[in-house]
Amino acid sequence: MKIRKGQEFFFLFLQNMEQLLYQYAWLIPVFPLFASFTLGLGLISFRKATQSLRRDLGFFTIALLGLSVILSVSIFFFQYFGTSTYQWEMEWVVSQNFSLEIGYLLDPLSSIMLVVVSTVGFLVMIYTDEYMAYDEGYVRFFGYLSLFLFINVRPSFKYKPSPNLHFLGTNWYVFIPTYWFLVYSFNSW
């Protein structure tokens, strides 16, 4: 089978797109974190302005989570069609006898988990947008829900320094207080 010039361009485009996606895969958990910090900072510093822009901020949060879903599905697409795993790492802390590396590994399992977690979080955000439209704690709830999604997307990346129970344990220390803020403290504010 002979490959034509147009097909060759398409395959070259896909190879470049794959490398670009893998290099910027770290943005998948950063988008919900950025949305959470933006909403939290707005509530702390500019409460009245943030409350008046509540629907716009909800759309902003959903759009950022939509970008996470698009990146996750794109990475899954390349993993499904047989590209190799991608691993990124860097030395974070270096001393004479000790070196701590940080990074992530994208393989078929982690790409499936990224799609599942980010898509479910995205759909929950869409549902919550209309369900809580008239609640006065709308912006605060979206901030906590974005933080909750960041905490749940993070383990989908098999982080290098701790793919073991230590990471799972430290993840629960952050997960449980966020869950408490979402469920129990919401009515008390």
N, C-alpha and C. Protein backbone atom coordinates (compact mmCIF):
# COMPACT_ATOMS: atom_id res chain seq x y z
N MET A 1 0.84 -1.18 0.00
CA MET A 1 0.00 0.00 0.00
C MET A 1 0.89 1.24 0.00
N LYS A 2 0.60 2.10 -0.90
CA LYS A 2 1.41 3.30 -1.07
C LYS A 2 0.79 4.47 -0.29
N ILE A 3 1.62 5.19 0.46
CA ILE A 3 1.15 6.34 1.24
C ILE A 3 1.31 7.59 0.39
N ARG A 4 0.22 8.29 0.24
CA ARG A 4 0.25 9.53 -0.54
C ARG A 4 0.77 10.69 0.29
N LYS A 5 1.00 11.79 -0.39
CA LYS A 5 1.57 12.96 0.28
C LYS A 5 0.64 13.52 1.36
N GLY A 6 -0.64 13.54 1.12
CA GLY A 6 -1.61 14.04 2.10
C GLY A 6 -1.67 13.15 3.33
N GLN A 7 -1.59 11.83 3.12
CA GLN A 7 -1.60 10.90 4.25
C GLN A 7 -0.33 11.03 5.07
N GLU A 8 0.79 11.25 4.40
CA GLU A 8 2.06 11.42 5.10
C GLU A 8 2.00 12.67 6.00
N PHE A 9 1.41 13.74 5.51
CA PHE A 9 1.25 14.95 6.31
C PHE A 9 0.37 14.69 7.52
N PHE A 10 -0.70 13.92 7.32
CA PHE A 10 -1.62 13.61 8.41
C PHE A 10 -0.92 12.81 9.51
N PHE A 11 -0.13 11.79 9.12
CA PHE A 11 0.58 10.98 10.10
C PHE A 11 1.63 11.80 10.84
N LEU A 12 2.30 12.69 10.14
CA LEU A 12 3.28 13.56 10.78
C LEU A 12 2.59 14.51 11.77
N PHE A 13 1.42 15.00 11.39
CA PHE A 13 0.64 15.87 12.27
C PHE A 13 0.24 15.12 13.55
N LEU A 14 -0.19 13.85 13.40
CA LEU A 14 -0.58 13.07 14.56
C LEU A 14 0.60 12.80 15.48
N GLN A 15 1.76 12.54 14.94
CA GLN A 15 2.94 12.32 15.78
C GLN A 15 3.30 13.57 16.57
N ASN A 16 3.25 14.72 15.92
CA ASN A 16 3.55 15.97 16.62
C ASN A 16 2.49 16.28 17.66
N MET A 17 1.24 16.01 17.36
CA MET A 17 0.15 16.25 18.30
C MET A 17 0.29 15.36 19.52
N GLU A 18 0.71 14.12 19.30
CA GLU A 18 0.89 13.19 20.41
C GLU A 18 1.97 13.70 21.37
N GLN A 19 3.09 14.11 20.86
CA GLN A 19 4.16 14.62 21.72
C GLN A 19 3.73 15.88 22.45
N LEU A 20 2.99 16.73 21.78
CA LEU A 20 2.50 17.96 22.42
C LEU A 20 1.53 17.63 23.55
N LEU A 21 0.63 16.67 23.33
CA LEU A 21 -0.31 16.27 24.38
C LEU A 21 0.40 15.70 25.59
N TYR A 22 1.38 14.85 25.34
CA TYR A 22 2.10 14.23 26.45
C TYR A 22 2.90 15.26 27.24
N GLN A 23 3.45 16.24 26.56
CA GLN A 23 4.23 17.26 27.26
C GLN A 23 3.35 18.16 28.13
N TYR A 24 2.11 18.37 27.71
CA TYR A 24 1.21 19.24 28.48
C TYR A 24 0.14 18.47 29.24
N ALA A 25 0.34 17.20 29.46
CA ALA A 25 -0.63 16.39 30.21
C ALA A 25 -0.73 16.85 31.67
N TRP A 26 0.29 17.48 32.19
CA TRP A 26 0.26 17.95 33.57
C TRP A 26 -0.82 19.01 33.77
N LEU A 27 -1.34 19.58 32.70
CA LEU A 27 -2.40 20.58 32.82
C LEU A 27 -3.75 19.98 33.22
N ILE A 28 -3.92 18.68 33.04
CA ILE A 28 -5.21 18.05 33.36
C ILE A 28 -5.59 18.27 34.82
N PRO A 29 -4.73 17.99 35.80
CA PRO A 29 -5.13 18.30 37.18
C PRO A 29 -4.96 19.77 37.54
N VAL A 30 -4.18 20.52 36.77
CA VAL A 30 -3.96 21.94 37.10
C VAL A 30 -5.20 22.78 36.80
N PHE A 31 -5.95 22.45 35.76
CA PHE A 31 -7.14 23.23 35.43
C PHE A 31 -8.16 23.27 36.58
N PRO A 32 -8.54 22.13 37.20
CA PRO A 32 -9.46 22.21 38.34
C PRO A 32 -8.85 22.94 39.54
N LEU A 33 -7.53 22.78 39.75
CA LEU A 33 -6.88 23.48 40.85
C LEU A 33 -6.91 24.99 40.63
N PHE A 34 -6.66 25.42 39.41
CA PHE A 34 -6.70 26.85 39.08
C PHE A 34 -8.11 27.40 39.28
N ALA A 35 -9.12 26.64 38.86
CA ALA A 35 -10.51 27.08 39.05
C ALA A 35 -10.83 27.21 40.53
N SER A 36 -10.38 26.26 41.33
CA SER A 36 -10.64 26.30 42.77
C SER A 36 -9.96 27.50 43.42
N PHE A 37 -8.70 27.74 43.08
CA PHE A 37 -8.00 28.90 43.65
C PHE A 37 -8.61 30.22 43.20
N THR A 38 -9.04 30.29 41.95
CA THR A 38 -9.68 31.51 41.45
C THR A 38 -10.96 31.81 42.22
N LEU A 39 -11.80 30.80 42.39
CA LEU A 39 -13.05 30.99 43.12
C LEU A 39 -12.79 31.29 44.59
N GLY A 40 -11.85 30.58 45.19
CA GLY A 40 -11.54 30.82 46.60
C GLY A 40 -10.97 32.20 46.84
N LEU A 41 -10.06 32.62 45.98
CA LEU A 41 -9.48 33.96 46.11
C LEU A 41 -10.54 35.04 45.89
N GLY A 42 -11.42 34.77 44.93
CA GLY A 42 -12.51 35.73 44.69
C GLY A 42 -13.44 35.85 45.88
N LEU A 43 -13.75 34.73 46.53
CA LEU A 43 -14.63 34.77 47.70
C LEU A 43 -13.97 35.44 48.89
N ILE A 44 -12.66 35.25 49.03
CA ILE A 44 -11.96 35.86 50.16
C ILE A 44 -11.76 37.36 49.94
N SER A 45 -11.36 37.75 48.74
CA SER A 45 -10.98 39.14 48.49
C SER A 45 -12.12 40.01 47.98
N PHE A 46 -12.93 39.47 47.10
CA PHE A 46 -13.97 40.27 46.44
C PHE A 46 -15.31 39.55 46.54
N ARG A 47 -15.84 39.43 47.73
CA ARG A 47 -17.04 38.62 47.96
C ARG A 47 -18.24 39.12 47.16
N LYS A 48 -18.52 40.40 47.20
CA LYS A 48 -19.71 40.93 46.50
C LYS A 48 -19.59 40.79 44.98
N ALA A 49 -18.41 41.11 44.44
CA ALA A 49 -18.21 40.99 43.00
C ALA A 49 -18.28 39.53 42.56
N THR A 50 -17.72 38.65 43.36
CA THR A 50 -17.75 37.24 43.02
C THR A 50 -19.17 36.70 43.05
N GLN A 51 -19.95 37.13 44.04
CA GLN A 51 -21.34 36.67 44.11
C GLN A 51 -22.16 37.20 42.94
N SER A 52 -21.85 38.41 42.47
CA SER A 52 -22.60 38.94 41.35
C SER A 52 -22.21 38.27 40.02
N LEU A 53 -21.02 37.72 39.96
CA LEU A 53 -20.56 37.03 38.75
C LEU A 53 -20.66 35.51 38.88
N ARG A 54 -21.54 35.04 39.71
CA ARG A 54 -21.58 33.63 40.04
C ARG A 54 -21.82 32.73 38.84
N ARG A 55 -22.74 33.07 37.96
CA ARG A 55 -22.99 32.22 36.79
C ARG A 55 -21.82 32.25 35.81
N ASP A 56 -21.18 33.40 35.67
CA ASP A 56 -20.01 33.49 34.80
C ASP A 56 -18.85 32.67 35.35
N LEU A 57 -18.67 32.71 36.66
CA LEU A 57 -17.61 31.91 37.27
C LEU A 57 -17.92 30.42 37.18
N GLY A 58 -19.19 30.07 37.25
CA GLY A 58 -19.58 28.67 37.05
C GLY A 58 -19.25 28.21 35.63
N PHE A 59 -19.53 29.06 34.66
CA PHE A 59 -19.19 28.73 33.27
C PHE A 59 -17.68 28.62 33.10
N PHE A 60 -16.93 29.52 33.74
CA PHE A 60 -15.46 29.49 33.70
C PHE A 60 -14.94 28.16 34.25
N THR A 61 -15.48 27.72 35.37
CA THR A 61 -15.06 26.46 35.98
C THR A 61 -15.40 25.28 35.08
N ILE A 62 -16.60 25.27 34.53
CA ILE A 62 -17.01 24.17 33.64
C ILE A 62 -16.15 24.16 32.38
N ALA A 63 -15.80 25.33 31.86
CA ALA A 63 -14.94 25.39 30.67
C ALA A 63 -13.55 24.83 30.96
N LEU A 64 -12.98 25.16 32.13
CA LEU A 64 -11.68 24.61 32.48
C LEU A 64 -11.73 23.09 32.63
N LEU A 65 -12.80 22.60 33.24
CA LEU A 65 -12.94 21.15 33.37
C LEU A 65 -13.19 20.49 32.02
N GLY A 66 -13.85 21.21 31.12
CA GLY A 66 -14.03 20.71 29.76
C GLY A 66 -12.69 20.56 29.05
N LEU A 67 -11.77 21.49 29.28
CA LEU A 67 -10.43 21.37 28.72
C LEU A 67 -9.71 20.14 29.27
N SER A 68 -9.90 19.86 30.55
CA SER A 68 -9.31 18.65 31.14
C SER A 68 -9.87 17.40 30.49
N VAL A 69 -11.17 17.39 30.21
CA VAL A 69 -11.80 16.23 29.57
C VAL A 69 -11.25 16.06 28.15
N ILE A 70 -11.13 17.17 27.42
CA ILE A 70 -10.62 17.09 26.05
C ILE A 70 -9.19 16.54 26.03
N LEU A 71 -8.34 17.04 26.92
CA LEU A 71 -6.97 16.53 27.00
C LEU A 71 -6.95 15.05 27.39
N SER A 72 -7.79 14.66 28.34
CA SER A 72 -7.84 13.27 28.78
C SER A 72 -8.29 12.34 27.66
N VAL A 73 -9.33 12.73 26.94
CA VAL A 73 -9.83 11.90 25.84
C VAL A 73 -8.79 11.82 24.72
N SER A 74 -8.10 12.91 24.46
CA SER A 74 -7.06 12.89 23.42
C SER A 74 -5.92 11.95 23.79
N ILE A 75 -5.50 12.00 25.04
CA ILE A 75 -4.44 11.09 25.49
C ILE A 75 -4.92 9.65 25.42
N PHE A 76 -6.16 9.40 25.81
CA PHE A 76 -6.72 8.05 25.71
C PHE A 76 -6.75 7.57 24.26
N PHE A 77 -7.09 8.46 23.34
CA PHE A 77 -7.13 8.13 21.92
C PHE A 77 -5.76 7.62 21.45
N PHE A 78 -4.70 8.32 21.81
CA PHE A 78 -3.37 7.90 21.39
C PHE A 78 -2.93 6.62 22.10
N GLN A 79 -3.31 6.45 23.35
CA GLN A 79 -2.96 5.22 24.06
C GLN A 79 -3.73 4.03 23.50
N TYR A 80 -4.97 4.24 23.13
CA TYR A 80 -5.80 3.15 22.61
C TYR A 80 -5.27 2.63 21.28
N PHE A 81 -4.76 3.52 20.45
CA PHE A 81 -4.27 3.11 19.15
C PHE A 81 -2.79 2.73 19.16
N GLY A 82 -2.30 2.34 20.32
CA GLY A 82 -1.04 1.65 20.38
C GLY A 82 0.23 2.44 20.55
N THR A 83 0.15 3.69 20.91
CA THR A 83 1.40 4.39 21.16
C THR A 83 1.98 3.93 22.49
N SER A 84 3.25 4.12 22.63
CA SER A 84 3.93 3.65 23.83
C SER A 84 3.59 4.55 25.02
N THR A 85 3.93 4.08 26.18
CA THR A 85 3.70 4.87 27.39
C THR A 85 4.63 6.06 27.39
N TYR A 86 4.24 7.07 28.13
CA TYR A 86 5.04 8.28 28.22
C TYR A 86 5.37 8.52 29.68
N GLN A 87 6.63 8.80 29.94
CA GLN A 87 7.06 9.05 31.32
C GLN A 87 7.84 10.36 31.34
N TRP A 88 7.47 11.22 32.27
CA TRP A 88 8.18 12.48 32.46
C TRP A 88 8.62 12.54 33.91
N GLU A 89 9.86 12.93 34.13
CA GLU A 89 10.34 13.05 35.50
C GLU A 89 11.43 14.12 35.57
N MET A 90 11.57 14.66 36.76
CA MET A 90 12.62 15.64 37.02
C MET A 90 13.07 15.50 38.46
N GLU A 91 14.27 15.93 38.73
CA GLU A 91 14.77 15.93 40.10
C GLU A 91 14.22 17.15 40.80
N TRP A 92 13.57 16.91 41.91
CA TRP A 92 12.92 17.99 42.63
C TRP A 92 13.79 18.48 43.77
N VAL A 93 14.26 17.57 44.59
CA VAL A 93 15.12 17.90 45.72
C VAL A 93 16.40 17.08 45.57
N VAL A 94 17.53 17.76 45.61
CA VAL A 94 18.80 17.07 45.45
C VAL A 94 19.73 17.49 46.58
N SER A 95 20.32 16.52 47.23
CA SER A 95 21.37 16.79 48.21
C SER A 95 22.49 15.77 47.97
N GLN A 96 23.44 15.69 48.87
CA GLN A 96 24.58 14.81 48.65
C GLN A 96 24.18 13.34 48.59
N ASN A 97 23.39 12.88 49.53
CA ASN A 97 23.04 11.46 49.60
C ASN A 97 21.58 11.18 49.24
N PHE A 98 20.85 12.19 48.86
CA PHE A 98 19.41 12.02 48.69
C PHE A 98 18.95 12.77 47.44
N SER A 99 18.08 12.15 46.71
CA SER A 99 17.49 12.78 45.52
C SER A 99 16.02 12.39 45.44
N LEU A 100 15.16 13.37 45.33
CA LEU A 100 13.73 13.13 45.21
C LEU A 100 13.30 13.55 43.82
N GLU A 101 12.77 12.59 43.07
CA GLU A 101 12.31 12.87 41.72
C GLU A 101 10.80 12.94 41.71
N ILE A 102 10.28 13.78 40.84
CA ILE A 102 8.84 13.88 40.67
C ILE A 102 8.55 13.76 39.18
N GLY A 103 7.42 13.17 38.86
CA GLY A 103 7.07 12.99 37.47
C GLY A 103 5.75 12.25 37.34
N TYR A 104 5.41 11.90 36.12
CA TYR A 104 4.19 11.12 35.92
C TYR A 104 4.39 10.13 34.77
N LEU A 105 3.57 9.11 34.78
CA LEU A 105 3.61 8.05 33.80
C LEU A 105 2.23 7.92 33.19
N LEU A 106 2.16 8.00 31.87
CA LEU A 106 0.89 7.83 31.16
C LEU A 106 0.93 6.51 30.40
N ASP A 107 0.11 5.59 30.83
CA ASP A 107 -0.03 4.30 30.16
C ASP A 107 -1.53 4.08 29.90
N PRO A 108 -1.92 2.96 29.28
CA PRO A 108 -3.34 2.76 28.98
C PRO A 108 -4.25 2.82 30.20
N LEU A 109 -3.83 2.24 31.32
CA LEU A 109 -4.68 2.26 32.51
C LEU A 109 -4.86 3.67 33.06
N SER A 110 -3.78 4.42 33.15
CA SER A 110 -3.91 5.78 33.68
C SER A 110 -4.69 6.67 32.72
N SER A 111 -4.60 6.42 31.42
CA SER A 111 -5.39 7.24 30.48
C SER A 111 -6.88 6.93 30.61
N ILE A 112 -7.23 5.66 30.86
CA ILE A 112 -8.65 5.32 31.08
C ILE A 112 -9.15 6.00 32.35
N MET A 113 -8.35 5.96 33.41
CA MET A 113 -8.77 6.60 34.66
C MET A 113 -8.89 8.12 34.51
N LEU A 114 -8.00 8.72 33.75
CA LEU A 114 -8.12 10.16 33.50
C LEU A 114 -9.43 10.49 32.81
N VAL A 115 -9.80 9.70 31.82
CA VAL A 115 -11.06 9.95 31.10
C VAL A 115 -12.25 9.76 32.03
N VAL A 116 -12.26 8.69 32.79
CA VAL A 116 -13.40 8.41 33.67
C VAL A 116 -13.56 9.49 34.72
N VAL A 117 -12.48 9.81 35.43
CA VAL A 117 -12.57 10.77 36.53
C VAL A 117 -12.89 12.17 36.02
N SER A 118 -12.22 12.61 34.98
CA SER A 118 -12.47 13.97 34.50
C SER A 118 -13.85 14.10 33.86
N THR A 119 -14.32 13.07 33.15
CA THR A 119 -15.64 13.14 32.53
C THR A 119 -16.75 13.12 33.58
N VAL A 120 -16.63 12.26 34.57
CA VAL A 120 -17.64 12.23 35.64
C VAL A 120 -17.65 13.57 36.39
N GLY A 121 -16.48 14.11 36.69
CA GLY A 121 -16.42 15.41 37.36
C GLY A 121 -17.03 16.51 36.51
N PHE A 122 -16.77 16.48 35.22
CA PHE A 122 -17.33 17.47 34.30
C PHE A 122 -18.85 17.39 34.26
N LEU A 123 -19.38 16.17 34.19
CA LEU A 123 -20.84 16.00 34.16
C LEU A 123 -21.48 16.40 35.49
N VAL A 124 -20.81 16.14 36.59
CA VAL A 124 -21.32 16.58 37.89
C VAL A 124 -21.35 18.10 37.95
N MET A 125 -20.34 18.74 37.41
CA MET A 125 -20.32 20.22 37.39
C MET A 125 -21.47 20.77 36.56
N ILE A 126 -21.74 20.16 35.41
CA ILE A 126 -22.84 20.64 34.57
C ILE A 126 -24.17 20.48 35.30
N TYR A 127 -24.38 19.33 35.94
CA TYR A 127 -25.61 19.10 36.68
C TYR A 127 -25.72 20.08 37.86
N THR A 128 -24.62 20.28 38.56
CA THR A 128 -24.63 21.15 39.74
C THR A 128 -24.89 22.60 39.35
N ASP A 129 -24.46 22.99 38.17
CA ASP A 129 -24.65 24.37 37.74
C ASP A 129 -26.13 24.74 37.73
N GLU A 130 -26.96 23.89 37.21
CA GLU A 130 -28.39 24.19 37.18
C GLU A 130 -29.08 23.88 38.50
N TYR A 131 -28.63 22.82 39.16
CA TYR A 131 -29.26 22.41 40.41
C TYR A 131 -29.08 23.45 41.51
N MET A 132 -27.91 24.07 41.57
CA MET A 132 -27.62 25.03 42.64
C MET A 132 -27.67 26.48 42.15
N ALA A 133 -28.33 26.72 41.05
CA ALA A 133 -28.32 28.05 40.44
C ALA A 133 -28.81 29.14 41.39
N TYR A 134 -29.73 28.85 42.27
CA TYR A 134 -30.31 29.87 43.14
C TYR A 134 -29.85 29.77 44.58
N ASP A 135 -28.88 28.93 44.84
CA ASP A 135 -28.35 28.78 46.19
C ASP A 135 -27.30 29.86 46.44
N GLU A 136 -27.28 30.40 47.65
CA GLU A 136 -26.31 31.46 47.95
C GLU A 136 -24.88 30.94 48.13
N GLY A 137 -24.71 29.65 48.32
CA GLY A 137 -23.38 29.06 48.44
C GLY A 137 -22.87 28.46 47.14
N TYR A 138 -23.42 28.91 46.02
CA TYR A 138 -23.10 28.38 44.69
C TYR A 138 -21.61 28.47 44.38
N VAL A 139 -21.01 29.62 44.54
CA VAL A 139 -19.61 29.82 44.19
C VAL A 139 -18.70 29.02 45.11
N ARG A 140 -18.99 29.02 46.38
CA ARG A 140 -18.18 28.27 47.34
C ARG A 140 -18.24 26.78 47.03
N PHE A 141 -19.43 26.28 46.70
CA PHE A 141 -19.58 24.88 46.37
C PHE A 141 -18.78 24.52 45.12
N PHE A 142 -18.80 25.39 44.11
CA PHE A 142 -18.02 25.14 42.90
C PHE A 142 -16.52 25.14 43.20
N GLY A 143 -16.08 26.00 44.09
CA GLY A 143 -14.67 26.02 44.48
C GLY A 143 -14.26 24.72 45.16
N TYR A 144 -15.07 24.24 46.09
CA TYR A 144 -14.77 22.99 46.77
C TYR A 144 -14.88 21.79 45.81
N LEU A 145 -15.84 21.83 44.93
CA LEU A 145 -15.99 20.73 43.98
C LEU A 145 -14.81 20.68 43.01
N SER A 146 -14.28 21.82 42.62
CA SER A 146 -13.08 21.84 41.77
C SER A 146 -11.87 21.30 42.51
N LEU A 147 -11.73 21.66 43.77
CA LEU A 147 -10.63 21.12 44.57
C LEU A 147 -10.78 19.62 44.75
N PHE A 148 -12.00 19.17 44.96
CA PHE A 148 -12.29 17.74 45.09
C PHE A 148 -11.91 17.00 43.81
N LEU A 149 -12.22 17.59 42.65
CA LEU A 149 -11.88 16.96 41.38
C LEU A 149 -10.37 16.94 41.17
N PHE A 150 -9.68 18.00 41.56
CA PHE A 150 -8.21 18.01 41.47
C PHE A 150 -7.62 16.86 42.28
N ILE A 151 -8.13 16.66 43.47
CA ILE A 151 -7.62 15.60 44.34
C ILE A 151 -7.90 14.22 43.74
N ASN A 152 -9.01 14.07 43.03
CA ASN A 152 -9.33 12.78 42.45
C ASN A 152 -8.65 12.53 41.11
N VAL A 153 -8.30 13.56 40.37
CA VAL A 153 -7.62 13.37 39.08
C VAL A 153 -6.14 13.07 39.30
N ARG A 154 -5.58 13.63 40.33
CA ARG A 154 -4.14 13.48 40.60
C ARG A 154 -3.67 12.03 40.66
N PRO A 155 -4.33 11.12 41.37
CA PRO A 155 -3.82 9.75 41.43
C PRO A 155 -3.93 9.00 40.10
N SER A 156 -4.71 9.51 39.16
CA SER A 156 -4.82 8.84 37.87
C SER A 156 -3.51 8.88 37.10
N PHE A 157 -2.63 9.85 37.46
CA PHE A 157 -1.34 9.96 36.81
C PHE A 157 -0.37 9.06 37.50
N LYS A 158 -0.12 8.04 37.72
CA LYS A 158 0.90 7.26 38.40
C LYS A 158 2.16 8.11 38.66
N TYR A 159 2.10 8.93 39.68
CA TYR A 159 3.24 9.79 40.00
C TYR A 159 4.45 8.95 40.39
N LYS A 160 5.60 9.36 39.94
CA LYS A 160 6.81 8.56 40.09
C LYS A 160 7.27 8.36 41.53
N PRO A 161 7.35 9.38 42.37
CA PRO A 161 7.97 9.12 43.65
C PRO A 161 7.18 8.15 44.53
N SER A 162 5.89 8.02 44.28
CA SER A 162 5.15 7.16 45.18
C SER A 162 3.95 6.52 44.50
N PRO A 163 4.16 5.48 43.72
CA PRO A 163 3.01 4.75 43.20
C PRO A 163 2.55 3.69 44.20
N ASN A 164 2.84 3.91 45.47
CA ASN A 164 2.56 2.90 46.49
C ASN A 164 1.53 3.42 47.49
N LEU A 165 1.40 2.73 48.59
CA LEU A 165 0.39 3.10 49.59
C LEU A 165 0.71 4.42 50.29
N HIS A 166 1.96 4.83 50.30
CA HIS A 166 2.31 6.11 50.92
C HIS A 166 1.58 7.25 50.22
N PHE A 167 1.57 7.23 48.89
CA PHE A 167 0.87 8.27 48.14
C PHE A 167 -0.63 8.22 48.40
N LEU A 168 -1.17 7.00 48.43
CA LEU A 168 -2.59 6.85 48.70
C LEU A 168 -2.93 7.42 50.08
N GLY A 169 -2.07 7.17 51.06
CA GLY A 169 -2.31 7.70 52.40
C GLY A 169 -2.25 9.21 52.45
N THR A 170 -1.27 9.81 51.78
CA THR A 170 -1.19 11.27 51.78
C THR A 170 -2.34 11.87 50.99
N ASN A 171 -2.83 11.15 49.98
CA ASN A 171 -3.96 11.65 49.22
C ASN A 171 -5.22 11.70 50.09
N TRP A 172 -5.40 10.74 50.98
CA TRP A 172 -6.57 10.73 51.84
C TRP A 172 -6.55 11.86 52.85
N TYR A 173 -5.38 12.32 53.27
CA TYR A 173 -5.30 13.44 54.18
C TYR A 173 -5.86 14.72 53.55
N VAL A 174 -5.79 14.81 52.25
CA VAL A 174 -6.35 15.96 51.55
C VAL A 174 -7.79 15.70 51.14
N PHE A 175 -8.10 14.46 50.80
CA PHE A 175 -9.42 14.08 50.31
C PHE A 175 -10.50 14.24 51.38
N ILE A 176 -10.24 13.77 52.58
CA ILE A 176 -11.25 13.75 53.64
C ILE A 176 -11.68 15.17 54.06
N PRO A 177 -10.76 16.12 54.29
CA PRO A 177 -11.24 17.47 54.63
C PRO A 177 -12.04 18.12 53.51
N THR A 178 -11.67 17.87 52.27
CA THR A 178 -12.43 18.44 51.16
C THR A 178 -13.82 17.84 51.11
N TYR A 179 -13.94 16.55 51.34
CA TYR A 179 -15.25 15.91 51.39
C TYR A 179 -16.08 16.50 52.54
N TRP A 180 -15.43 16.75 53.67
CA TRP A 180 -16.15 17.33 54.81
C TRP A 180 -16.68 18.72 54.45
N PHE A 181 -15.85 19.53 53.78
CA PHE A 181 -16.31 20.86 53.37
C PHE A 181 -17.47 20.77 52.40
N LEU A 182 -17.42 19.80 51.48
CA LEU A 182 -18.49 19.67 50.50
C LEU A 182 -19.80 19.23 51.13
N VAL A 183 -19.75 18.28 52.05
CA VAL A 183 -20.98 17.68 52.54
C VAL A 183 -21.46 18.29 53.85
N TYR A 184 -20.60 18.33 54.86
CA TYR A 184 -21.06 18.69 56.19
C TYR A 184 -21.06 20.18 56.49
N SER A 185 -20.03 20.87 56.07
CA SER A 185 -19.95 22.27 56.46
C SER A 185 -20.71 23.19 55.54
N PHE A 186 -21.25 22.67 54.45
CA PHE A 186 -21.90 23.53 53.48
C PHE A 186 -23.12 24.21 54.07
N ASN A 187 -23.92 23.51 54.83
CA ASN A 187 -25.13 24.10 55.42
C ASN A 187 -24.86 24.97 56.62
N SER A 188 -23.68 24.82 57.22
CA SER A 188 -23.41 25.60 58.43
C SER A 188 -22.90 27.00 58.14
N TRP A 189 -22.54 27.29 56.89
CA TRP A 189 -22.04 28.62 56.56
C TRP A 189 -23.18 29.46 56.22
